[in-house]
Amino acid sequence: VLFLLHLTGRRDEAEELAQDVFIKAWQHLHTFAGRA
């Protein structure tokens, strides 16, 4: 959320995007290989 707040400058947009991020992350968690 803080990362997105820095990018967007808007709390509401940052929180909305963060929810989308974690939905995507959960859907693609199996692709996380640990290289980063």
Full PDB file with SEQRES, HELIX, SHEET, SSBOND, CRYST1, ORIGX, SCALE, CONECT and MASTER records, all heavy atoms in Angstrom:
SEQRES   1 A   36  VAL LEU PHE LEU LEU HIS LEU THR GLY ARG ARG ASP GLU          
SEQRES   2 A   36  ALA GLU GLU LEU ALA GLN ASP VAL PHE ILE LYS ALA TRP          
SEQRES   3 A   36  GLN HIS LEU HIS THR PHE ALA GLY ARG ALA                      
HELIX    1 AA1 LEU A    2  THR A    8  1                                   7    
HELIX    2 AA2 ARG A   11  GLN A   27  1                                  17    
HELIX    3 AA3 LEU A   29  THR A   31  5                                   3    
CRYST1    1.000    1.000    1.000  90.00  90.00  90.00 P 1           1          
ORIGX1      1.000000  0.000000  0.000000        0.00000                         
ORIGX2      0.000000  1.000000  0.000000        0.00000                         
ORIGX3      0.000000  0.000000  1.000000        0.00000                         
SCALE1      1.000000  0.000000  0.000000        0.00000                         
SCALE2      0.000000  1.000000  0.000000        0.00000                         
SCALE3      0.000000  0.000000  1.000000        0.00000                         
ATOM      1  N   VAL A   1       0.837  -1.204   0.000  1.00  0.00           N  
ATOM      2  CA  VAL A   1       0.000   0.000   0.000  1.00  0.00           C  
ATOM      3  C   VAL A   1       0.872   1.254   0.000  1.00  0.00           C  
ATOM      4  O   VAL A   1       0.620   2.207  -0.755  1.00  0.00           O  
ATOM      5  CB  VAL A   1      -0.956   0.019   1.214  1.00  0.00           C  
ATOM      6  CG1 VAL A   1      -1.641   1.377   1.343  1.00  0.00           C  
ATOM      7  CG2 VAL A   1      -2.004  -1.068   1.090  1.00  0.00           C  
ATOM      8  N   LEU A   2       1.910   1.267   0.836  1.00  0.00           N  
ATOM      9  CA  LEU A   2       2.807   2.426   0.899  1.00  0.00           C  
ATOM     10  C   LEU A   2       3.518   2.624  -0.437  1.00  0.00           C  
ATOM     11  O   LEU A   2       3.655   3.761  -0.920  1.00  0.00           O  
ATOM     12  CB  LEU A   2       3.830   2.241   2.016  1.00  0.00           C  
ATOM     13  CG  LEU A   2       4.809   3.402   2.237  1.00  0.00           C  
ATOM     14  CD1 LEU A   2       4.065   4.689   2.570  1.00  0.00           C  
ATOM     15  CD2 LEU A   2       5.813   3.053   3.320  1.00  0.00           C  
ATOM     16  N   PHE A   3       3.971   1.538  -1.036  1.00  0.00           N  
ATOM     17  CA  PHE A   3       4.624   1.598  -2.339  1.00  0.00           C  
ATOM     18  C   PHE A   3       3.696   2.241  -3.372  1.00  0.00           C  
ATOM     19  O   PHE A   3       4.083   3.157  -4.110  1.00  0.00           O  
ATOM     20  CB  PHE A   3       4.999   0.179  -2.769  1.00  0.00           C  
ATOM     21  CG  PHE A   3       5.577   0.069  -4.154  1.00  0.00           C  
ATOM     22  CD1 PHE A   3       6.878   0.467  -4.421  1.00  0.00           C  
ATOM     23  CD2 PHE A   3       4.824  -0.463  -5.188  1.00  0.00           C  
ATOM     24  CE1 PHE A   3       7.416   0.355  -5.698  1.00  0.00           C  
ATOM     25  CE2 PHE A   3       5.352  -0.582  -6.469  1.00  0.00           C  
ATOM     26  CZ  PHE A   3       6.643  -0.171  -6.724  1.00  0.00           C  
ATOM     27  N   LEU A   4       2.450   1.787  -3.403  1.00  0.00           N  
ATOM     28  CA  LEU A   4       1.478   2.313  -4.356  1.00  0.00           C  
ATOM     29  C   LEU A   4       1.061   3.737  -4.009  1.00  0.00           C  
ATOM     30  O   LEU A   4       0.759   4.532  -4.903  1.00  0.00           O  
ATOM     31  CB  LEU A   4       0.257   1.392  -4.414  1.00  0.00           C  
ATOM     32  CG  LEU A   4       0.512   0.050  -5.107  1.00  0.00           C  
ATOM     33  CD1 LEU A   4      -0.610  -0.937  -4.820  1.00  0.00           C  
ATOM     34  CD2 LEU A   4       0.657   0.260  -6.618  1.00  0.00           C  
ATOM     35  N   LEU A   5       1.054   4.060  -2.730  1.00  0.00           N  
ATOM     36  CA  LEU A   5       0.740   5.431  -2.316  1.00  0.00           C  
ATOM     37  C   LEU A   5       1.805   6.392  -2.833  1.00  0.00           C  
ATOM     38  O   LEU A   5       1.493   7.497  -3.289  1.00  0.00           O  
ATOM     39  CB  LEU A   5       0.635   5.512  -0.792  1.00  0.00           C  
ATOM     40  CG  LEU A   5       0.276   6.877  -0.200  1.00  0.00           C  
ATOM     41  CD1 LEU A   5      -1.069   7.359  -0.738  1.00  0.00           C  
ATOM     42  CD2 LEU A   5       0.240   6.801   1.327  1.00  0.00           C  
ATOM     43  N   HIS A   6       3.058   5.959  -2.774  1.00  0.00           N  
ATOM     44  CA  HIS A   6       4.135   6.777  -3.316  1.00  0.00           C  
ATOM     45  C   HIS A   6       3.984   6.966  -4.824  1.00  0.00           C  
ATOM     46  O   HIS A   6       4.295   8.030  -5.359  1.00  0.00           O  
ATOM     47  CB  HIS A   6       5.490   6.131  -3.019  1.00  0.00           C  
ATOM     48  CG  HIS A   6       5.946   6.318  -1.612  1.00  0.00           C  
ATOM     49  ND1 HIS A   6       6.710   5.382  -0.950  1.00  0.00           N  
ATOM     50  CD2 HIS A   6       5.732   7.313  -0.722  1.00  0.00           C  
ATOM     51  CE1 HIS A   6       6.964   5.814   0.269  1.00  0.00           C  
ATOM     52  NE2 HIS A   6       6.380   6.985   0.433  1.00  0.00           N  
ATOM     53  N   LEU A   7       3.508   5.929  -5.506  1.00  0.00           N  
ATOM     54  CA  LEU A   7       3.359   6.019  -6.964  1.00  0.00           C  
ATOM     55  C   LEU A   7       2.145   6.842  -7.365  1.00  0.00           C  
ATOM     56  O   LEU A   7       2.205   7.631  -8.312  1.00  0.00           O  
ATOM     57  CB  LEU A   7       3.239   4.618  -7.578  1.00  0.00           C  
ATOM     58  CG  LEU A   7       4.440   3.675  -7.440  1.00  0.00           C  
ATOM     59  CD1 LEU A   7       4.216   2.420  -8.277  1.00  0.00           C  
ATOM     60  CD2 LEU A   7       5.734   4.351  -7.865  1.00  0.00           C  
ATOM     61  N   THR A   8       1.042   6.660  -6.653  1.00  0.00           N  
ATOM     62  CA  THR A   8      -0.215   7.295  -7.060  1.00  0.00           C  
ATOM     63  C   THR A   8      -0.458   8.633  -6.388  1.00  0.00           C  
ATOM     64  O   THR A   8      -1.109   9.514  -6.958  1.00  0.00           O  
ATOM     65  CB  THR A   8      -1.416   6.387  -6.747  1.00  0.00           C  
ATOM     66  OG1 THR A   8      -1.519   6.216  -5.317  1.00  0.00           O  
ATOM     67  CG2 THR A   8      -1.261   5.019  -7.401  1.00  0.00           C  
ATOM     68  N   GLY A   9       0.013   8.782  -5.147  1.00  0.00           N  
ATOM     69  CA  GLY A   9      -0.260   9.992  -4.380  1.00  0.00           C  
ATOM     70  C   GLY A   9      -1.661  10.029  -3.806  1.00  0.00           C  
ATOM     71  O   GLY A   9      -2.080  11.032  -3.243  1.00  0.00           O  
ATOM     72  N   ARG A  10      -2.385   8.924  -3.922  1.00  0.00           N  
ATOM     73  CA  ARG A  10      -3.775   8.884  -3.442  1.00  0.00           C  
ATOM     74  C   ARG A  10      -4.000   7.608  -2.636  1.00  0.00           C  
ATOM     75  O   ARG A  10      -3.781   6.502  -3.124  1.00  0.00           O  
ATOM     76  CB  ARG A  10      -4.752   8.907  -4.616  1.00  0.00           C  
ATOM     77  CG  ARG A  10      -4.773  10.209  -5.382  1.00  0.00           C  
ATOM     78  CD  ARG A  10      -5.710  10.114  -6.574  1.00  0.00           C  
ATOM     79  NE  ARG A  10      -7.026   9.600  -6.171  1.00  0.00           N  
ATOM     80  CZ  ARG A  10      -7.932   9.155  -7.046  1.00  0.00           C  
ATOM     81  NH1 ARG A  10      -7.661   9.131  -8.337  1.00  0.00           N  
ATOM     82  NH2 ARG A  10      -9.102   8.719  -6.621  1.00  0.00           N  
ATOM     83  N   ARG A  11      -4.452   7.766  -1.390  1.00  0.00           N  
ATOM     84  CA  ARG A  11      -4.678   6.630  -0.510  1.00  0.00           C  
ATOM     85  C   ARG A  11      -5.735   5.684  -1.060  1.00  0.00           C  
ATOM     86  O   ARG A  11      -5.541   4.464  -1.053  1.00  0.00           O  
ATOM     87  CB  ARG A  11      -5.082   7.129   0.880  1.00  0.00           C  
ATOM     88  CG  ARG A  11      -5.601   6.071   1.828  1.00  0.00           C  
ATOM     89  CD  ARG A  11      -4.547   5.069   2.262  1.00  0.00           C  
ATOM     90  NE  ARG A  11      -3.503   5.688   3.037  1.00  0.00           N  
ATOM     91  CZ  ARG A  11      -2.518   4.992   3.626  1.00  0.00           C  
ATOM     92  NH1 ARG A  11      -2.466   3.680   3.486  1.00  0.00           N  
ATOM     93  NH2 ARG A  11      -1.584   5.626   4.314  1.00  0.00           N  
ATOM     94  N   ASP A  12      -6.859   6.226  -1.550  1.00  0.00           N  
ATOM     95  CA  ASP A  12      -7.932   5.360  -2.021  1.00  0.00           C  
ATOM     96  C   ASP A  12      -7.498   4.525  -3.222  1.00  0.00           C  
ATOM     97  O   ASP A  12      -7.783   3.323  -3.300  1.00  0.00           O  
ATOM     98  CB  ASP A  12      -9.187   6.173  -2.356  1.00  0.00           C  
ATOM     99  CG  ASP A  12      -8.931   7.273  -3.378  1.00  0.00           C  
ATOM    100  OD1 ASP A  12      -7.757   7.621  -3.607  1.00  0.00           O  
ATOM    101  OD2 ASP A  12      -9.919   7.779  -3.956  1.00  0.00           O  
ATOM    102  N   GLU A  13      -6.772   5.145  -4.140  1.00  0.00           N  
ATOM    103  CA  GLU A  13      -6.305   4.409  -5.318  1.00  0.00           C  
ATOM    104  C   GLU A  13      -5.262   3.369  -4.927  1.00  0.00           C  
ATOM    105  O   GLU A  13      -5.249   2.250  -5.452  1.00  0.00           O  
ATOM    106  CB  GLU A  13      -5.717   5.370  -6.348  1.00  0.00           C  
ATOM    107  CG  GLU A  13      -5.332   4.691  -7.658  1.00  0.00           C  
ATOM    108  CD  GLU A  13      -4.781   5.646  -8.695  1.00  0.00           C  
ATOM    109  OE1 GLU A  13      -4.626   6.848  -8.382  1.00  0.00           O  
ATOM    110  OE2 GLU A  13      -4.517   5.196  -9.828  1.00  0.00           O  
ATOM    111  N   ALA A  14      -4.373   3.735  -3.984  1.00  0.00           N  
ATOM    112  CA  ALA A  14      -3.341   2.799  -3.535  1.00  0.00           C  
ATOM    113  C   ALA A  14      -3.969   1.560  -2.902  1.00  0.00           C  
ATOM    114  O   ALA A  14      -3.545   0.427  -3.175  1.00  0.00           O  
ATOM    115  CB  ALA A  14      -2.414   3.493  -2.538  1.00  0.00           C  
ATOM    116  N   GLU A  15      -4.972   1.747  -2.069  1.00  0.00           N  
ATOM    117  CA  GLU A  15      -5.606   0.612  -1.405  1.00  0.00           C  
ATOM    118  C   GLU A  15      -6.396  -0.248  -2.395  1.00  0.00           C  
ATOM    119  O   GLU A  15      -6.407  -1.479  -2.295  1.00  0.00           O  
ATOM    120  CB  GLU A  15      -6.503   1.109  -0.274  1.00  0.00           C  
ATOM    121  CG  GLU A  15      -5.700   1.711   0.885  1.00  0.00           C  
ATOM    122  CD  GLU A  15      -6.575   2.200   2.020  1.00  0.00           C  
ATOM    123  OE1 GLU A  15      -7.800   2.343   1.803  1.00  0.00           O  
ATOM    124  OE2 GLU A  15      -6.031   2.450   3.116  1.00  0.00           O  
ATOM    125  N   GLU A  16      -7.034   0.416  -3.354  1.00  0.00           N  
ATOM    126  CA  GLU A  16      -7.771  -0.336  -4.378  1.00  0.00           C  
ATOM    127  C   GLU A  16      -6.820  -1.184  -5.215  1.00  0.00           C  
ATOM    128  O   GLU A  16      -7.079  -2.361  -5.481  1.00  0.00           O  
ATOM    129  CB  GLU A  16      -8.523   0.647  -5.275  1.00  0.00           C  
ATOM    130  CG  GLU A  16      -9.329  -0.028  -6.379  1.00  0.00           C  
ATOM    131  CD  GLU A  16      -9.989   0.978  -7.307  1.00  0.00           C  
ATOM    132  OE1 GLU A  16     -10.117   2.156  -6.925  1.00  0.00           O  
ATOM    133  OE2 GLU A  16     -10.367   0.568  -8.419  1.00  0.00           O  
ATOM    134  N   LEU A  17      -5.702  -0.586  -5.621  1.00  0.00           N  
ATOM    135  CA  LEU A  17      -4.717  -1.323  -6.396  1.00  0.00           C  
ATOM    136  C   LEU A  17      -4.088  -2.445  -5.584  1.00  0.00           C  
ATOM    137  O   LEU A  17      -3.820  -3.537  -6.110  1.00  0.00           O  
ATOM    138  CB  LEU A  17      -3.626  -0.374  -6.892  1.00  0.00           C  
ATOM    139  CG  LEU A  17      -3.972   0.495  -8.103  1.00  0.00           C  
ATOM    140  CD1 LEU A  17      -2.908   1.558  -8.316  1.00  0.00           C  
ATOM    141  CD2 LEU A  17      -4.103  -0.373  -9.352  1.00  0.00           C  
ATOM    142  N   ALA A  18      -3.845  -2.195  -4.300  1.00  0.00           N  
ATOM    143  CA  ALA A  18      -3.236  -3.211  -3.444  1.00  0.00           C  
ATOM    144  C   ALA A  18      -4.119  -4.458  -3.364  1.00  0.00           C  
ATOM    145  O   ALA A  18      -3.611  -5.597  -3.358  1.00  0.00           O  
ATOM    146  CB  ALA A  18      -2.990  -2.651  -2.047  1.00  0.00           C  
ATOM    147  N   GLN A  19      -5.416  -4.270  -3.304  1.00  0.00           N  
ATOM    148  CA  GLN A  19      -6.324  -5.418  -3.292  1.00  0.00           C  
ATOM    149  C   GLN A  19      -6.188  -6.221  -4.578  1.00  0.00           C  
ATOM    150  O   GLN A  19      -6.137  -7.453  -4.556  1.00  0.00           O  
ATOM    151  CB  GLN A  19      -7.763  -4.937  -3.101  1.00  0.00           C  
ATOM    152  CG  GLN A  19      -8.030  -4.334  -1.733  1.00  0.00           C  
ATOM    153  CD  GLN A  19      -9.427  -3.754  -1.607  1.00  0.00           C  
ATOM    154  OE1 GLN A  19     -10.328  -4.142  -2.339  1.00  0.00           O  
ATOM    155  NE2 GLN A  19      -9.598  -2.821  -0.688  1.00  0.00           N  
ATOM    156  N   ASP A  20      -6.094  -5.510  -5.709  1.00  0.00           N  
ATOM    157  CA  ASP A  20      -5.905  -6.199  -6.991  1.00  0.00           C  
ATOM    158  C   ASP A  20      -4.575  -6.936  -7.019  1.00  0.00           C  
ATOM    159  O   ASP A  20      -4.471  -8.040  -7.572  1.00  0.00           O  
ATOM    160  CB  ASP A  20      -5.958  -5.196  -8.145  1.00  0.00           C  
ATOM    161  CG  ASP A  20      -7.342  -4.593  -8.337  1.00  0.00           C  
ATOM    162  OD1 ASP A  20      -8.324  -5.207  -7.859  1.00  0.00           O  
ATOM    163  OD2 ASP A  20      -7.439  -3.519  -8.954  1.00  0.00           O  
ATOM    164  N   VAL A  21      -3.550  -6.317  -6.431  1.00  0.00           N  
ATOM    165  CA  VAL A  21      -2.219  -6.929  -6.396  1.00  0.00           C  
ATOM    166  C   VAL A  21      -2.260  -8.274  -5.676  1.00  0.00           C  
ATOM    167  O   VAL A  21      -1.715  -9.275  -6.163  1.00  0.00           O  
ATOM    168  CB  VAL A  21      -1.208  -5.987  -5.715  1.00  0.00           C  
ATOM    169  CG1 VAL A  21       0.099  -6.729  -5.402  1.00  0.00           C  
ATOM    170  CG2 VAL A  21      -0.930  -4.781  -6.591  1.00  0.00           C  
ATOM    171  N   PHE A  22      -2.918  -8.310  -4.522  1.00  0.00           N  
ATOM    172  CA  PHE A  22      -2.913  -9.547  -3.745  1.00  0.00           C  
ATOM    173  C   PHE A  22      -3.823 -10.612  -4.357  1.00  0.00           C  
ATOM    174  O   PHE A  22      -3.561 -11.811  -4.196  1.00  0.00           O  
ATOM    175  CB  PHE A  22      -3.252  -9.262  -2.283  1.00  0.00           C  
ATOM    176  CG  PHE A  22      -2.064  -8.773  -1.512  1.00  0.00           C  
ATOM    177  CD1 PHE A  22      -1.773  -7.422  -1.420  1.00  0.00           C  
ATOM    178  CD2 PHE A  22      -1.201  -9.674  -0.908  1.00  0.00           C  
ATOM    179  CE1 PHE A  22      -0.654  -6.970  -0.736  1.00  0.00           C  
ATOM    180  CE2 PHE A  22      -0.082  -9.241  -0.218  1.00  0.00           C  
ATOM    181  CZ  PHE A  22       0.194  -7.885  -0.137  1.00  0.00           C  
ATOM    182  N   ILE A  23      -4.839 -10.185  -5.067  1.00  0.00           N  
ATOM    183  CA  ILE A  23      -5.646 -11.158  -5.808  1.00  0.00           C  
ATOM    184  C   ILE A  23      -4.797 -11.803  -6.902  1.00  0.00           C  
ATOM    185  O   ILE A  23      -4.779 -13.031  -7.057  1.00  0.00           O  
ATOM    186  CB  ILE A  23      -6.892 -10.479  -6.421  1.00  0.00           C  
ATOM    187  CG1 ILE A  23      -7.874 -10.090  -5.314  1.00  0.00           C  
ATOM    188  CG2 ILE A  23      -7.572 -11.408  -7.434  1.00  0.00           C  
ATOM    189  CD1 ILE A  23      -9.044  -9.253  -5.795  1.00  0.00           C  
ATOM    190  N   LYS A  24      -4.063 -10.957  -7.650  1.00  0.00           N  
ATOM    191  CA  LYS A  24      -3.184 -11.466  -8.705  1.00  0.00           C  
ATOM    192  C   LYS A  24      -2.077 -12.335  -8.109  1.00  0.00           C  
ATOM    193  O   LYS A  24      -1.727 -13.388  -8.662  1.00  0.00           O  
ATOM    194  CB  LYS A  24      -2.557 -10.287  -9.469  1.00  0.00           C  
ATOM    195  CG  LYS A  24      -3.504  -9.526 -10.373  1.00  0.00           C  
ATOM    196  CD  LYS A  24      -3.716 -10.255 -11.683  1.00  0.00           C  
ATOM    197  CE  LYS A  24      -4.653  -9.478 -12.609  1.00  0.00           C  
ATOM    198  NZ  LYS A  24      -4.066  -8.228 -13.077  1.00  0.00           N  
ATOM    199  N   ALA A  25      -1.508 -11.862  -6.997  1.00  0.00           N  
ATOM    200  CA  ALA A  25      -0.412 -12.611  -6.373  1.00  0.00           C  
ATOM    201  C   ALA A  25      -0.889 -13.989  -5.933  1.00  0.00           C  
ATOM    202  O   ALA A  25      -0.183 -14.991  -6.111  1.00  0.00           O  
ATOM    203  CB  ALA A  25       0.142 -11.829  -5.181  1.00  0.00           C  
ATOM    204  N   TRP A  26      -2.085 -14.061  -5.356  1.00  0.00           N  
ATOM    205  CA  TRP A  26      -2.606 -15.349  -4.897  1.00  0.00           C  
ATOM    206  C   TRP A  26      -2.862 -16.282  -6.077  1.00  0.00           C  
ATOM    207  O   TRP A  26      -2.574 -17.479  -6.019  1.00  0.00           O  
ATOM    208  CB  TRP A  26      -3.890 -15.134  -4.100  1.00  0.00           C  
ATOM    209  CG  TRP A  26      -4.371 -16.392  -3.454  1.00  0.00           C  
ATOM    210  CD1 TRP A  26      -5.404 -17.187  -3.833  1.00  0.00           C  
ATOM    211  CD2 TRP A  26      -3.796 -17.018  -2.296  1.00  0.00           C  
ATOM    212  NE1 TRP A  26      -5.522 -18.262  -2.998  1.00  0.00           N  
ATOM    213  CE2 TRP A  26      -4.544 -18.188  -2.043  1.00  0.00           C  
ATOM    214  CE3 TRP A  26      -2.723 -16.706  -1.455  1.00  0.00           C  
ATOM    215  CZ2 TRP A  26      -4.257 -19.048  -0.973  1.00  0.00           C  
ATOM    216  CZ3 TRP A  26      -2.440 -17.555  -0.395  1.00  0.00           C  
ATOM    217  CH2 TRP A  26      -3.198 -18.705  -0.180  1.00  0.00           C  
ATOM    218  N   GLN A  27      -3.386 -15.703  -7.168  1.00  0.00           N  
ATOM    219  CA  GLN A  27      -3.677 -16.502  -8.357  1.00  0.00           C  
ATOM    220  C   GLN A  27      -2.407 -17.047  -9.003  1.00  0.00           C  
ATOM    221  O   GLN A  27      -2.432 -18.108  -9.632  1.00  0.00           O  
ATOM    222  CB  GLN A  27      -4.454 -15.662  -9.381  1.00  0.00           C  
ATOM    223  CG  GLN A  27      -5.864 -15.299  -8.951  1.00  0.00           C  
ATOM    224  CD  GLN A  27      -6.520 -14.310  -9.894  1.00  0.00           C  
ATOM    225  OE1 GLN A  27      -5.849 -13.621 -10.670  1.00  0.00           O  
ATOM    226  NE2 GLN A  27      -7.855 -14.224  -9.830  1.00  0.00           N  
ATOM    227  N   HIS A  28      -1.309 -16.319  -8.848  1.00  0.00           N  
ATOM    228  CA  HIS A  28      -0.062 -16.710  -9.500  1.00  0.00           C  
ATOM    229  C   HIS A  28       1.028 -17.105  -8.504  1.00  0.00           C  
ATOM    230  O   HIS A  28       2.212 -17.129  -8.853  1.00  0.00           O  
ATOM    231  CB  HIS A  28       0.438 -15.566 -10.384  1.00  0.00           C  
ATOM    232  CG  HIS A  28      -0.478 -15.238 -11.517  1.00  0.00           C  
ATOM    233  ND1 HIS A  28      -1.515 -14.334 -11.403  1.00  0.00           N  
ATOM    234  CD2 HIS A  28      -0.532 -15.713 -12.789  1.00  0.00           C  
ATOM    235  CE1 HIS A  28      -2.156 -14.256 -12.551  1.00  0.00           C  
ATOM    236  NE2 HIS A  28      -1.591 -15.078 -13.409  1.00  0.00           N  
ATOM    237  N   LEU A  29       0.634 -17.407  -7.288  1.00  0.00           N  
ATOM    238  CA  LEU A  29       1.622 -17.744  -6.252  1.00  0.00           C  
ATOM    239  C   LEU A  29       2.482 -18.939  -6.652  1.00  0.00           C  
ATOM    240  O   LEU A  29       3.655 -19.021  -6.304  1.00  0.00           O  
ATOM    241  CB  LEU A  29       0.911 -18.019  -4.926  1.00  0.00           C  
ATOM    242  CG  LEU A  29       1.787 -18.038  -3.666  1.00  0.00           C  
ATOM    243  CD1 LEU A  29       2.478 -16.702  -3.469  1.00  0.00           C  
ATOM    244  CD2 LEU A  29       0.935 -18.382  -2.439  1.00  0.00           C  
ATOM    245  N   HIS A  30       1.895 -19.846  -7.411  1.00  0.00           N  
ATOM    246  CA  HIS A  30       2.631 -21.045  -7.827  1.00  0.00           C  
ATOM    247  C   HIS A  30       3.782 -20.713  -8.776  1.00  0.00           C  
ATOM    248  O   HIS A  30       4.686 -21.542  -8.978  1.00  0.00           O  
ATOM    249  CB  HIS A  30       1.680 -22.032  -8.526  1.00  0.00           C  
ATOM    250  CG  HIS A  30       1.090 -21.507  -9.790  1.00  0.00           C  
ATOM    251  ND1 HIS A  30       0.053 -20.592  -9.801  1.00  0.00           N  
ATOM    252  CD2 HIS A  30       1.402 -21.751 -11.095  1.00  0.00           C  
ATOM    253  CE1 HIS A  30      -0.251 -20.311 -11.061  1.00  0.00           C  
ATOM    254  NE2 HIS A  30       0.544 -20.997 -11.857  1.00  0.00           N  
ATOM    255  N   THR A  31       3.782 -19.498  -9.348  1.00  0.00           N  
ATOM    256  CA  THR A  31       4.856 -19.111 -10.270  1.00  0.00           C  
ATOM    257  C   THR A  31       6.026 -18.456  -9.547  1.00  0.00           C  
ATOM    258  O   THR A  31       7.057 -18.183 -10.162  1.00  0.00           O  
ATOM    259  CB  THR A  31       4.327 -18.128 -11.339  1.00  0.00           C  
ATOM    260  OG1 THR A  31       3.989 -16.872 -10.712  1.00  0.00           O  
ATOM    261  CG2 THR A  31       3.093 -18.692 -12.038  1.00  0.00           C  
ATOM    262  N   PHE A  32       5.854 -18.172  -8.243  1.00  0.00           N  
ATOM    263  CA  PHE A  32       6.932 -17.532  -7.488  1.00  0.00           C  
ATOM    264  C   PHE A  32       8.065 -18.542  -7.305  1.00  0.00           C  
ATOM    265  O   PHE A  32       7.910 -19.553  -6.616  1.00  0.00           O  
ATOM    266  CB  PHE A  32       6.421 -17.052  -6.128  1.00  0.00           C  
ATOM    267  CG  PHE A  32       7.507 -16.478  -5.246  1.00  0.00           C  
ATOM    268  CD1 PHE A  32       8.131 -15.280  -5.577  1.00  0.00           C  
ATOM    269  CD2 PHE A  32       7.907 -17.147  -4.101  1.00  0.00           C  
ATOM    270  CE1 PHE A  32       9.119 -14.757  -4.781  1.00  0.00           C  
ATOM    271  CE2 PHE A  32       8.905 -16.627  -3.287  1.00  0.00           C  
ATOM    272  CZ  PHE A  32       9.513 -15.429  -3.629  1.00  0.00           C  
ATOM    273  N   ALA A  33       9.212 -18.248  -7.936  1.00  0.00           N  
ATOM    274  CA  ALA A  33      10.330 -19.197  -7.926  1.00  0.00           C  
ATOM    275  C   ALA A  33      11.412 -18.840  -6.927  1.00  0.00           C  
ATOM    276  O   ALA A  33      12.360 -19.596  -6.740  1.00  0.00           O  
ATOM    277  CB  ALA A  33      10.937 -19.280  -9.327  1.00  0.00           C  
ATOM    278  N   GLY A  34      11.304 -17.687  -6.276  1.00  0.00           N  
ATOM    279  CA  GLY A  34      12.288 -17.305  -5.273  1.00  0.00           C  
ATOM    280  C   GLY A  34      13.558 -16.699  -5.835  1.00  0.00           C  
ATOM    281  O   GLY A  34      14.524 -16.504  -5.103  1.00  0.00           O  
ATOM    282  N   ARG A  35      13.577 -16.387  -7.136  1.00  0.00           N  
ATOM    283  CA  ARG A  35      14.776 -15.755  -7.706  1.00  0.00           C  
ATOM    284  C   ARG A  35      14.929 -14.325  -7.184  1.00  0.00           C  
ATOM    285  O   ARG A  35      16.033 -13.807  -7.064  1.00  0.00           O  
ATOM    286  CB  ARG A  35      14.695 -15.771  -9.236  1.00  0.00           C  
ATOM    287  CG  ARG A  35      14.923 -17.160  -9.840  1.00  0.00           C  
ATOM    288  CD  ARG A  35      14.993 -17.094 -11.354  1.00  0.00           C  
ATOM    289  NE  ARG A  35      13.697 -16.771 -11.925  1.00  0.00           N  
ATOM    290  CZ  ARG A  35      12.786 -17.678 -12.260  1.00  0.00           C  
ATOM    291  NH1 ARG A  35      13.034 -18.978 -12.062  1.00  0.00           N  
ATOM    292  NH2 ARG A  35      11.635 -17.326 -12.784  1.00  0.00           N  
ATOM    293  N   ALA A  36      13.817 -13.684  -6.916  1.00  0.00           N  
ATOM    294  CA  ALA A  36      13.810 -12.379  -6.234  1.00  0.00           C  
ATOM    295  C   ALA A  36      13.070 -12.565  -4.919  1.00  0.00           C  
ATOM    296  O   ALA A  36      12.386 -13.574  -4.716  1.00  0.00           O  
ATOM    297  CB  ALA A  36      13.109 -11.333  -7.105  1.00  0.00           C  
TER     298      ALA A  36                                                      
MASTER        0    0    0    3    0    0    0    6  297    1    0    3          
END                                                                             
